[in-house]
């Protein structure tokens, strides 16, 4: 699911604006810092006089509240996804993978799954 950047920005700002230790002036701001490999990276900037000595506490409070706001708005946190291509494995690993597939799927693997690590070249 792709989340709207404007919705993400507004959700983060709403959290900052309602936190009792965040100053209204200067107002909180959200900066779109960069495109990551699998992410859109934002930075929240806030001012406080209450938690100057405990910035990590304020940061944690804001993170928990942002996490909850994202859940309510159905904004998903991305995570890297990678495809793994195995060229060959030992017979022991092949057997273990086959058993795991059978347990997970409740069926026997296809012929291509049975050839994991085998000598035959798949076409």
C-alpha atoms as a PDB file:
ATOM      1  CA  UNK A   1       0.000   0.000   0.000  1.00  0.00           C
ATOM      2  CA  UNK A   2       1.316   3.438  -0.917  1.00  0.00           C
ATOM      3  CA  UNK A   3       0.578   6.164   1.629  1.00  0.00           C
ATOM      4  CA  UNK A   4      -0.141   9.725   0.586  1.00  0.00           C
ATOM      5  CA  UNK A   5       2.721  12.045   1.581  1.00  0.00           C
ATOM      6  CA  UNK A   6       0.323  14.867   2.486  1.00  0.00           C
ATOM      7  CA  UNK A   7      -1.697  12.578   4.776  1.00  0.00           C
ATOM      8  CA  UNK A   8       1.502  11.387   6.433  1.00  0.00           C
ATOM      9  CA  UNK A   9       2.655  14.983   6.932  1.00  0.00           C
ATOM     10  CA  UNK A  10      -0.678  16.073   8.425  1.00  0.00           C
ATOM     11  CA  UNK A  11      -0.807  13.070  10.768  1.00  0.00           C
ATOM     12  CA  UNK A  12       2.656  13.857  12.106  1.00  0.00           C
ATOM     13  CA  UNK A  13       1.836  17.560  12.516  1.00  0.00           C
ATOM     14  CA  UNK A  14      -1.422  16.769  14.328  1.00  0.00           C
ATOM     15  CA  UNK A  15       0.485  14.681  16.857  1.00  0.00           C
ATOM     16  CA  UNK A  16       3.058  17.422  17.417  1.00  0.00           C
ATOM     17  CA  UNK A  17       0.424  20.139  17.756  1.00  0.00           C
ATOM     18  CA  UNK A  18      -1.497  18.216  20.422  1.00  0.00           C
ATOM     19  CA  UNK A  19       1.463  17.196  22.562  1.00  0.00           C
ATOM     20  CA  UNK A  20       1.412  19.300  25.754  1.00  0.00           C
ATOM     21  CA  UNK A  21       5.194  19.833  25.820  1.00  0.00           C
ATOM     22  CA  UNK A  22       5.497  21.038  22.198  1.00  0.00           C
ATOM     23  CA  UNK A  23       5.366  24.811  21.750  1.00  0.00           C
ATOM     24  CA  UNK A  24       2.808  26.317  19.367  1.00  0.00           C
ATOM     25  CA  UNK A  25       5.362  29.000  18.399  1.00  0.00           C
ATOM     26  CA  UNK A  26       7.616  28.408  16.653  1.00  0.00           C
ATOM     27  CA  UNK A  27       5.176  25.971  15.093  1.00  0.00           C
ATOM     28  CA  UNK A  28       6.077  22.316  14.481  1.00  0.00           C
ATOM     29  CA  UNK A  29       7.151  21.470  10.959  1.00  0.00           C
ATOM     30  CA  UNK A  30       7.583  18.314   8.938  1.00  0.00           C
ATOM     31  CA  UNK A  31      10.373  18.202   6.388  1.00  0.00           C
ATOM     32  CA  UNK A  32      10.434  15.645   3.565  1.00  0.00           C
ATOM     33  CA  UNK A  33      14.150  14.847   3.686  1.00  0.00           C
ATOM     34  CA  UNK A  34      14.653  12.201   1.006  1.00  0.00           C
ATOM     35  CA  UNK A  35      13.492   9.180  -0.935  1.00  0.00           C
ATOM     36  CA  UNK A  36      14.951   6.050   0.667  1.00  0.00           C
ATOM     37  CA  UNK A  37      15.295   2.629  -0.952  1.00  0.00           C
ATOM     38  CA  UNK A  38      11.857   1.602   0.289  1.00  0.00           C
ATOM     39  CA  UNK A  39      10.755   4.728   2.143  1.00  0.00           C
ATOM     40  CA  UNK A  40       9.810   8.366   2.089  1.00  0.00           C
ATOM     41  CA  UNK A  41      11.845   9.941   4.900  1.00  0.00           C
ATOM     42  CA  UNK A  42      10.380  12.746   6.979  1.00  0.00           C
ATOM     43  CA  UNK A  43      11.812  14.774   9.834  1.00  0.00           C
ATOM     44  CA  UNK A  44       9.665  16.364  12.556  1.00  0.00           C
ATOM     45  CA  UNK A  45      10.983  19.598  14.052  1.00  0.00           C
ATOM     46  CA  UNK A  46       9.483  20.897  17.314  1.00  0.00           C
ATOM     47  CA  UNK A  47      10.334  23.331  20.093  1.00  0.00           C
ATOM     48  CA  UNK A  48       9.906  22.701  23.802  1.00  0.00           C
ATOM     49  CA  UNK A  49      10.707  24.372  27.104  1.00  0.00           C
ATOM     50  CA  UNK A  50       9.335  21.562  29.280  1.00  0.00           C
ATOM     51  CA  UNK A  51      11.611  18.734  28.135  1.00  0.00           C
ATOM     52  CA  UNK A  52      14.849  20.520  27.319  1.00  0.00           C
ATOM     53  CA  UNK A  53      16.721  18.239  29.731  1.00  0.00           C
ATOM     54  CA  UNK A  54      14.922  15.084  28.533  1.00  0.00           C
ATOM     55  CA  UNK A  55      14.691  15.290  24.734  1.00  0.00           C
ATOM     56  CA  UNK A  56      14.701  11.503  24.330  1.00  0.00           C
ATOM     57  CA  UNK A  57      11.525  11.286  26.451  1.00  0.00           C
ATOM     58  CA  UNK A  58       9.780  13.850  24.224  1.00  0.00           C
ATOM     59  CA  UNK A  59      11.021  12.044  21.123  1.00  0.00           C
ATOM     60  CA  UNK A  60       9.722   8.729  22.443  1.00  0.00           C
ATOM     61  CA  UNK A  61       6.330  10.250  23.335  1.00  0.00           C
ATOM     62  CA  UNK A  62       6.031  11.691  19.849  1.00  0.00           C
ATOM     63  CA  UNK A  63       7.097   8.431  18.180  1.00  0.00           C
ATOM     64  CA  UNK A  64       4.485   6.404  20.083  1.00  0.00           C
ATOM     65  CA  UNK A  65       1.786   8.940  19.266  1.00  0.00           C
ATOM     66  CA  UNK A  66       2.816   9.054  15.588  1.00  0.00           C
ATOM     67  CA  UNK A  67       2.770   5.257  15.440  1.00  0.00           C
ATOM     68  CA  UNK A  68      -0.792   5.278  16.804  1.00  0.00           C
ATOM     69  CA  UNK A  69      -1.864   8.042  14.387  1.00  0.00           C
ATOM     70  CA  UNK A  70      -0.451   6.055  11.470  1.00  0.00           C
ATOM     71  CA  UNK A  71      -2.388   2.981  12.612  1.00  0.00           C
ATOM     72  CA  UNK A  72      -5.630   4.979  12.725  1.00  0.00           C
ATOM     73  CA  UNK A  73      -4.970   6.482   9.271  1.00  0.00           C
ATOM     74  CA  UNK A  74      -3.910   3.096   7.826  1.00  0.00           C
ATOM     75  CA  UNK A  75      -0.491   4.498   6.984  1.00  0.00           C
ATOM     76  CA  UNK A  76       1.822   1.539   6.712  1.00  0.00           C
ATOM     77  CA  UNK A  77       5.445   1.607   7.777  1.00  0.00           C
ATOM     78  CA  UNK A  78       7.519   0.275   4.898  1.00  0.00           C
ATOM     79  CA  UNK A  79      10.099  -2.425   5.265  1.00  0.00           C
ATOM     80  CA  UNK A  80      12.670  -3.578   2.737  1.00  0.00           C
ATOM     81  CA  UNK A  81      11.656  -6.584   0.691  1.00  0.00           C
ATOM     82  CA  UNK A  82      14.242  -8.695  -1.026  1.00  0.00           C
ATOM     83  CA  UNK A  83      14.049 -11.658  -3.375  1.00  0.00           C
ATOM     84  CA  UNK A  84      16.466 -14.456  -2.644  1.00  0.00           C
ATOM     85  CA  UNK A  85      17.588 -16.637  -5.543  1.00  0.00           C
ATOM     86  CA  UNK A  86      19.354 -19.852  -4.550  1.00  0.00           C
ATOM     87  CA  UNK A  87      21.458 -21.499  -7.214  1.00  0.00           C
ATOM     88  CA  UNK A  88      22.405 -24.614  -5.301  1.00  0.00           C
ATOM     89  CA  UNK A  89      22.249 -25.988  -1.789  1.00  0.00           C
ATOM     90  CA  UNK A  90      23.342 -29.187  -0.094  1.00  0.00           C
ATOM     91  CA  UNK A  91      21.055 -32.217  -0.104  1.00  0.00           C
ATOM     92  CA  UNK A  92      20.472 -31.743   3.649  1.00  0.00           C
ATOM     93  CA  UNK A  93      19.268 -28.152   3.146  1.00  0.00           C
ATOM     94  CA  UNK A  94      17.149 -29.199   0.165  1.00  0.00           C
ATOM     95  CA  UNK A  95      15.493 -31.901   2.249  1.00  0.00           C
ATOM     96  CA  UNK A  96      14.855 -29.474   5.119  1.00  0.00           C
ATOM     97  CA  UNK A  97      13.296 -26.933   2.745  1.00  0.00           C
ATOM     98  CA  UNK A  98      11.079 -29.597   1.221  1.00  0.00           C
ATOM     99  CA  UNK A  99       9.883 -30.689   4.684  1.00  0.00           C
ATOM    100  CA  UNK A 100       9.208 -27.074   5.668  1.00  0.00           C
ATOM    101  CA  UNK A 101       7.161 -26.517   2.498  1.00  0.00           C
ATOM    102  CA  UNK A 102       5.123 -29.630   3.167  1.00  0.00           C
ATOM    103  CA  UNK A 103       4.457 -28.536   6.761  1.00  0.00           C
ATOM    104  CA  UNK A 104       3.544 -24.989   5.751  1.00  0.00           C
ATOM    105  CA  UNK A 105       1.406 -25.808   2.730  1.00  0.00           C
ATOM    106  CA  UNK A 106       0.126 -29.183   3.792  1.00  0.00           C
ATOM    107  CA  UNK A 107       0.913 -30.482   0.295  1.00  0.00           C
ATOM    108  CA  UNK A 108       3.862 -32.004  -1.450  1.00  0.00           C
ATOM    109  CA  UNK A 109       6.121 -29.587  -3.322  1.00  0.00           C
ATOM    110  CA  UNK A 110       6.105 -29.213  -7.102  1.00  0.00           C
ATOM    111  CA  UNK A 111       8.819 -30.802  -9.174  1.00  0.00           C
ATOM    112  CA  UNK A 112      10.730 -27.500  -9.381  1.00  0.00           C
ATOM    113  CA  UNK A 113      10.651 -27.183  -5.579  1.00  0.00           C
ATOM    114  CA  UNK A 114      11.935 -30.744  -5.254  1.00  0.00           C
ATOM    115  CA  UNK A 115      14.928 -29.910  -7.469  1.00  0.00           C
ATOM    116  CA  UNK A 116      16.313 -27.295  -5.108  1.00  0.00           C
ATOM    117  CA  UNK A 117      20.028 -27.850  -5.121  1.00  0.00           C
ATOM    118  CA  UNK A 118      19.744 -30.790  -7.482  1.00  0.00           C
ATOM    119  CA  UNK A 119      22.032 -31.472 -10.400  1.00  0.00           C
ATOM    120  CA  UNK A 120      19.374 -30.872 -13.058  1.00  0.00           C
ATOM    121  CA  UNK A 121      19.304 -27.478 -14.735  1.00  0.00           C
ATOM    122  CA  UNK A 122      15.846 -25.934 -14.680  1.00  0.00           C
ATOM    123  CA  UNK A 123      14.660 -24.359 -17.910  1.00  0.00           C
END
